[in-house]
């Protein structure tokens, strides 16, 4: 039986170890994320990941993240 698009995407996400996270942020912050990622040539998820890891480091939060 053929798999649905959702099933294929779930399997791919599981295999790569990624999850979807959705949240609302103020438009000016949204625009800033876009601006920084364009200026640095990074995907938005890569830029946000880097920012979160720097935040954790700044506040001494231990993490296994890479």
PDB file of N, CA and C in Angstrom:
ATOM      1  N   UNK A   1       0.835  -1.185   0.000  1.00  0.00           N
ATOM      2  CA  UNK A   1       0.000   0.000   0.000  1.00  0.00           C
ATOM      3  C   UNK A   1       0.882   1.252   0.000  1.00  0.00           C
ATOM      4  N   UNK A   2       0.514   2.233  -0.769  1.00  0.00           N
ATOM      5  CA  UNK A   2       1.289   3.469  -0.877  1.00  0.00           C
ATOM      6  C   UNK A   2       1.177   4.286   0.408  1.00  0.00           C
ATOM      7  N   UNK A   3       2.279   4.927   0.773  1.00  0.00           N
ATOM      8  CA  UNK A   3       2.286   5.766   1.969  1.00  0.00           C
ATOM      9  C   UNK A   3       1.811   7.172   1.618  1.00  0.00           C
ATOM     10  N   UNK A   4       1.156   7.798   2.586  1.00  0.00           N
ATOM     11  CA  UNK A   4       0.708   9.177   2.386  1.00  0.00           C
ATOM     12  C   UNK A   4       1.915  10.117   2.484  1.00  0.00           C
ATOM     13  N   UNK A   5       1.734  11.321   2.002  1.00  0.00           N
ATOM     14  CA  UNK A   5       2.797  12.324   2.083  1.00  0.00           C
ATOM     15  C   UNK A   5       3.193  12.570   3.536  1.00  0.00           C
ATOM     16  N   UNK A   6       2.211  12.609   4.422  1.00  0.00           N
ATOM     17  CA  UNK A   6       2.484  12.836   5.846  1.00  0.00           C
ATOM     18  C   UNK A   6       3.321  11.703   6.430  1.00  0.00           C
ATOM     19  N   UNK A   7       3.022  10.469   6.047  1.00  0.00           N
ATOM     20  CA  UNK A   7       3.792   9.324   6.541  1.00  0.00           C
ATOM     21  C   UNK A   7       5.230   9.366   6.030  1.00  0.00           C
ATOM     22  N   UNK A   8       5.387   9.717   4.768  1.00  0.00           N
ATOM     23  CA  UNK A   8       6.726   9.814   4.184  1.00  0.00           C
ATOM     24  C   UNK A   8       7.524  10.909   4.888  1.00  0.00           C
ATOM     25  N   UNK A   9       6.882  12.061   5.121  1.00  0.00           N
ATOM     26  CA  UNK A   9       7.557  13.172   5.792  1.00  0.00           C
ATOM     27  C   UNK A   9       7.927  12.805   7.222  1.00  0.00           C
ATOM     28  N   UNK A  10       7.022  12.135   7.943  1.00  0.00           N
ATOM     29  CA  UNK A  10       7.306  11.725   9.320  1.00  0.00           C
ATOM     30  C   UNK A  10       8.499  10.789   9.366  1.00  0.00           C
ATOM     31  N   UNK A  11       8.541   9.833   8.466  1.00  0.00           N
ATOM     32  CA  UNK A  11       9.663   8.888   8.440  1.00  0.00           C
ATOM     33  C   UNK A  11      10.978   9.625   8.147  1.00  0.00           C
ATOM     34  N   UNK A  12      10.934  10.555   7.200  1.00  0.00           N
ATOM     35  CA  UNK A  12      12.126  11.337   6.864  1.00  0.00           C
ATOM     36  C   UNK A  12      12.590  12.167   8.061  1.00  0.00           C
ATOM     37  N   UNK A  13      11.656  12.837   8.728  1.00  0.00           N
ATOM     38  CA  UNK A  13      11.995  13.645   9.898  1.00  0.00           C
ATOM     39  C   UNK A  13      12.586  12.782  11.009  1.00  0.00           C
ATOM     40  N   UNK A  14      11.977  11.631  11.268  1.00  0.00           N
ATOM     41  CA  UNK A  14      12.474  10.717  12.295  1.00  0.00           C
ATOM     42  C   UNK A  14      13.897  10.267  11.971  1.00  0.00           C
ATOM     43  N   UNK A  15      14.124   9.940  10.722  1.00  0.00           N
ATOM     44  CA  UNK A  15      15.434   9.460  10.270  1.00  0.00           C
ATOM     45  C   UNK A  15      16.511  10.534  10.462  1.00  0.00           C
ATOM     46  N   UNK A  16      16.144  11.801  10.204  1.00  0.00           N
ATOM     47  CA  UNK A  16      17.091  12.909  10.322  1.00  0.00           C
ATOM     48  C   UNK A  16      17.151  13.493  11.731  1.00  0.00           C
ATOM     49  N   UNK A  17      16.271  13.048  12.612  1.00  0.00           N
ATOM     50  CA  UNK A  17      16.257  13.543  13.986  1.00  0.00           C
ATOM     51  C   UNK A  17      15.761  14.974  14.106  1.00  0.00           C
ATOM     52  N   UNK A  18      14.766  15.338  13.305  1.00  0.00           N
ATOM     53  CA  UNK A  18      14.214  16.693  13.359  1.00  0.00           C
ATOM     54  C   UNK A  18      12.738  16.655  13.729  1.00  0.00           C
ATOM     55  N   UNK A  19      12.274  17.755  14.324  1.00  0.00           N
ATOM     56  CA  UNK A  19      10.867  17.919  14.674  1.00  0.00           C
ATOM     57  C   UNK A  19      10.438  19.313  14.260  1.00  0.00           C
ATOM     58  N   UNK A  20       9.167  19.457  13.956  1.00  0.00           N
ATOM     59  CA  UNK A  20       8.608  20.759  13.619  1.00  0.00           C
ATOM     60  C   UNK A  20       8.220  21.484  14.900  1.00  0.00           C
ATOM     61  N   UNK A  21       8.564  22.777  14.958  1.00  0.00           N
ATOM     62  CA  UNK A  21       8.197  23.622  16.099  1.00  0.00           C
ATOM     63  C   UNK A  21       7.547  24.871  15.534  1.00  0.00           C
ATOM     64  N   UNK A  22       6.343  25.161  15.976  1.00  0.00           N
ATOM     65  CA  UNK A  22       5.620  26.318  15.459  1.00  0.00           C
ATOM     66  C   UNK A  22       5.244  27.230  16.617  1.00  0.00           C
ATOM     67  N   UNK A  23       5.478  28.531  16.440  1.00  0.00           N
ATOM     68  CA  UNK A  23       5.109  29.486  17.465  1.00  0.00           C
ATOM     69  C   UNK A  23       4.909  30.851  16.834  1.00  0.00           C
ATOM     70  N   UNK A  24       4.221  31.726  17.548  1.00  0.00           N
ATOM     71  CA  UNK A  24       3.982  33.083  17.065  1.00  0.00           C
ATOM     72  C   UNK A  24       4.987  34.026  17.715  1.00  0.00           C
ATOM     73  N   UNK A  25       5.535  34.925  16.892  1.00  0.00           N
ATOM     74  CA  UNK A  25       6.438  35.951  17.399  1.00  0.00           C
ATOM     75  C   UNK A  25       6.033  37.293  16.788  1.00  0.00           C
ATOM     76  N   UNK A  26       6.454  38.357  17.425  1.00  0.00           N
ATOM     77  CA  UNK A  26       6.126  39.687  16.912  1.00  0.00           C
ATOM     78  C   UNK A  26       6.739  39.875  15.534  1.00  0.00           C
ATOM     79  N   UNK A  27       6.047  40.651  14.709  1.00  0.00           N
ATOM     80  CA  UNK A  27       6.463  40.853  13.322  1.00  0.00           C
ATOM     81  C   UNK A  27       7.871  41.428  13.224  1.00  0.00           C
ATOM     82  N   UNK A  28       8.239  42.352  14.121  1.00  0.00           N
ATOM     83  CA  UNK A  28       9.579  42.933  14.030  1.00  0.00           C
ATOM     84  C   UNK A  28      10.668  41.898  14.305  1.00  0.00           C
ATOM     85  N   UNK A  29      10.408  40.956  15.194  1.00  0.00           N
ATOM     86  CA  UNK A  29      11.364  39.874  15.447  1.00  0.00           C
ATOM     87  C   UNK A  29      11.398  38.927  14.250  1.00  0.00           C
ATOM     88  N   UNK A  30      10.240  38.622  13.705  1.00  0.00           N
ATOM     89  CA  UNK A  30      10.144  37.790  12.500  1.00  0.00           C
ATOM     90  C   UNK A  30      10.981  38.400  11.375  1.00  0.00           C
ATOM     91  N   UNK A  31      10.807  39.709  11.167  1.00  0.00           N
ATOM     92  CA  UNK A  31      11.556  40.407  10.118  1.00  0.00           C
ATOM     93  C   UNK A  31      13.058  40.386  10.400  1.00  0.00           C
ATOM     94  N   UNK A  32      13.429  40.507  11.671  1.00  0.00           N
ATOM     95  CA  UNK A  32      14.842  40.474  12.048  1.00  0.00           C
ATOM     96  C   UNK A  32      15.454  39.100  11.758  1.00  0.00           C
ATOM     97  N   UNK A  33      14.721  38.043  12.045  1.00  0.00           N
ATOM     98  CA  UNK A  33      15.197  36.685  11.729  1.00  0.00           C
ATOM     99  C   UNK A  33      15.460  36.570  10.232  1.00  0.00           C
ATOM    100  N   UNK A  34      14.523  37.035   9.419  1.00  0.00           N
ATOM    101  CA  UNK A  34      14.706  36.993   7.964  1.00  0.00           C
ATOM    102  C   UNK A  34      15.920  37.809   7.531  1.00  0.00           C
ATOM    103  N   UNK A  35      16.053  39.019   8.078  1.00  0.00           N
ATOM    104  CA  UNK A  35      17.157  39.906   7.704  1.00  0.00           C
ATOM    105  C   UNK A  35      18.508  39.286   8.051  1.00  0.00           C
ATOM    106  N   UNK A  36      18.647  38.808   9.278  1.00  0.00           N
ATOM    107  CA  UNK A  36      19.920  38.225   9.709  1.00  0.00           C
ATOM    108  C   UNK A  36      20.261  36.999   8.875  1.00  0.00           C
ATOM    109  N   UNK A  37      19.287  36.140   8.637  1.00  0.00           N
ATOM    110  CA  UNK A  37      19.575  34.919   7.876  1.00  0.00           C
ATOM    111  C   UNK A  37      19.974  35.253   6.440  1.00  0.00           C
ATOM    112  N   UNK A  38      19.344  36.259   5.835  1.00  0.00           N
ATOM    113  CA  UNK A  38      19.726  36.677   4.481  1.00  0.00           C
ATOM    114  C   UNK A  38      21.126  37.282   4.460  1.00  0.00           C
ATOM    115  N   UNK A  39      21.411  38.161   5.416  1.00  0.00           N
ATOM    116  CA  UNK A  39      22.721  38.817   5.466  1.00  0.00           C
ATOM    117  C   UNK A  39      23.852  37.825   5.710  1.00  0.00           C
ATOM    118  N   UNK A  40      23.593  36.817   6.525  1.00  0.00           N
ATOM    119  CA  UNK A  40      24.629  35.834   6.853  1.00  0.00           C
ATOM    120  C   UNK A  40      24.645  34.660   5.890  1.00  0.00           C
ATOM    121  N   UNK A  41      23.626  34.561   5.036  1.00  0.00           N
ATOM    122  CA  UNK A  41      23.570  33.449   4.089  1.00  0.00           C
ATOM    123  C   UNK A  41      23.272  32.119   4.759  1.00  0.00           C
ATOM    124  N   UNK A  42      22.514  32.172   5.841  1.00  0.00           N
ATOM    125  CA  UNK A  42      22.144  30.964   6.586  1.00  0.00           C
ATOM    126  C   UNK A  42      20.653  30.702   6.441  1.00  0.00           C
ATOM    127  N   UNK A  43      20.298  29.436   6.486  1.00  0.00           N
ATOM    128  CA  UNK A  43      18.881  29.092   6.574  1.00  0.00           C
ATOM    129  C   UNK A  43      18.373  29.607   7.923  1.00  0.00           C
ATOM    130  N   UNK A  44      17.106  29.991   7.971  1.00  0.00           N
ATOM    131  CA  UNK A  44      16.554  30.530   9.213  1.00  0.00           C
ATOM    132  C   UNK A  44      16.649  29.525  10.351  1.00  0.00           C
ATOM    133  N   UNK A  45      16.412  28.248  10.078  1.00  0.00           N
ATOM    134  CA  UNK A  45      16.498  27.261  11.161  1.00  0.00           C
ATOM    135  C   UNK A  45      17.931  27.134  11.675  1.00  0.00           C
ATOM    136  N   UNK A  46      18.926  27.277  10.804  1.00  0.00           N
ATOM    137  CA  UNK A  46      20.326  27.212  11.228  1.00  0.00           C
ATOM    138  C   UNK A  46      20.674  28.422  12.096  1.00  0.00           C
ATOM    139  N   UNK A  47      20.179  29.592  11.713  1.00  0.00           N
ATOM    140  CA  UNK A  47      20.443  30.807  12.471  1.00  0.00           C
ATOM    141  C   UNK A  47      19.778  30.746  13.844  1.00  0.00           C
ATOM    142  N   UNK A  48      18.548  30.270  13.896  1.00  0.00           N
ATOM    143  CA  UNK A  48      17.841  30.152  15.176  1.00  0.00           C
ATOM    144  C   UNK A  48      18.521  29.108  16.063  1.00  0.00           C
ATOM    145  N   UNK A  49      18.953  28.000  15.480  1.00  0.00           N
ATOM    146  CA  UNK A  49      19.670  26.971  16.235  1.00  0.00           C
ATOM    147  C   UNK A  49      20.934  27.552  16.855  1.00  0.00           C
ATOM    148  N   UNK A  50      21.696  28.297  16.065  1.00  0.00           N
ATOM    149  CA  UNK A  50      22.922  28.919  16.564  1.00  0.00           C
ATOM    150  C   UNK A  50      22.615  29.882  17.710  1.00  0.00           C
ATOM    151  N   UNK A  51      21.562  30.675  17.571  1.00  0.00           N
ATOM    152  CA  UNK A  51      21.186  31.628  18.615  1.00  0.00           C
ATOM    153  C   UNK A  51      20.807  30.904  19.908  1.00  0.00           C
ATOM    154  N   UNK A  52      20.080  29.822  19.806  1.00  0.00           N
ATOM    155  CA  UNK A  52      19.659  29.067  21.003  1.00  0.00           C
ATOM    156  C   UNK A  52      20.865  28.426  21.694  1.00  0.00           C
ATOM    157  N   UNK A  53      21.789  27.890  20.894  1.00  0.00           N
ATOM    158  CA  UNK A  53      22.991  27.293  21.483  1.00  0.00           C
ATOM    159  C   UNK A  53      23.848  28.356  22.174  1.00  0.00           C
ATOM    160  N   UNK A  54      23.951  29.543  21.586  1.00  0.00           N
ATOM    161  CA  UNK A  54      24.687  30.639  22.227  1.00  0.00           C
ATOM    162  C   UNK A  54      24.004  31.071  23.524  1.00  0.00           C
ATOM    163  N   UNK A  55      22.680  31.101  23.529  1.00  0.00           N
ATOM    164  CA  UNK A  55      21.915  31.439  24.734  1.00  0.00           C
ATOM    165  C   UNK A  55      22.201  30.417  25.842  1.00  0.00           C
ATOM    166  N   UNK A  56      22.158  29.149  25.485  1.00  0.00           N
ATOM    167  CA  UNK A  56      22.423  28.091  26.465  1.00  0.00           C
ATOM    168  C   UNK A  56      23.837  28.225  27.033  1.00  0.00           C
ATOM    169  N   UNK A  57      24.793  28.500  26.160  1.00  0.00           N
ATOM    170  CA  UNK A  57      26.181  28.667  26.601  1.00  0.00           C
ATOM    171  C   UNK A  57      26.309  29.869  27.537  1.00  0.00           C
ATOM    172  N   UNK A  58      25.687  30.974  27.176  1.00  0.00           N
ATOM    173  CA  UNK A  58      25.756  32.199  27.982  1.00  0.00           C
ATOM    174  C   UNK A  58      25.235  31.975  29.394  1.00  0.00           C
ATOM    175  N   UNK A  59      24.165  31.197  29.535  1.00  0.00           N
ATOM    176  CA  UNK A  59      23.543  30.984  30.834  1.00  0.00           C
ATOM    177  C   UNK A  59      23.934  29.658  31.481  1.00  0.00           C
ATOM    178  N   UNK A  60      24.977  29.019  30.949  1.00  0.00           N
ATOM    179  CA  UNK A  60      25.509  27.807  31.561  1.00  0.00           C
ATOM    180  C   UNK A  60      24.558  26.629  31.535  1.00  0.00           C
ATOM    181  N   UNK A  61      23.727  26.569  30.518  1.00  0.00           N
ATOM    182  CA  UNK A  61      22.787  25.461  30.379  1.00  0.00           C
ATOM    183  C   UNK A  61      23.475  24.347  29.609  1.00  0.00           C
ATOM    184  N   UNK A  62      23.628  23.206  30.260  1.00  0.00           N
ATOM    185  CA  UNK A  62      24.295  22.080  29.605  1.00  0.00           C
ATOM    186  C   UNK A  62      23.378  21.466  28.565  1.00  0.00           C
ATOM    187  N   UNK A  63      23.977  21.073  27.445  1.00  0.00           N
ATOM    188  CA  UNK A  63      23.200  20.495  26.364  1.00  0.00           C
ATOM    189  C   UNK A  63      24.021  19.450  25.627  1.00  0.00           C
ATOM    190  N   UNK A  64      23.337  18.488  25.057  1.00  0.00           N
ATOM    191  CA  UNK A  64      23.985  17.481  24.220  1.00  0.00           C
ATOM    192  C   UNK A  64      23.886  17.865  22.746  1.00  0.00           C
ATOM    193  N   UNK A  65      23.282  19.015  22.483  1.00  0.00           N
ATOM    194  CA  UNK A  65      23.052  19.447  21.099  1.00  0.00           C
ATOM    195  C   UNK A  65      24.366  19.726  20.393  1.00  0.00           C
ATOM    196  N   UNK A  66      24.317  19.548  19.080  1.00  0.00           N
ATOM    197  CA  UNK A  66      25.513  19.795  18.270  1.00  0.00           C
ATOM    198  C   UNK A  66      25.315  21.001  17.410  1.00  0.00           C
TER     199      UNK A  66
END
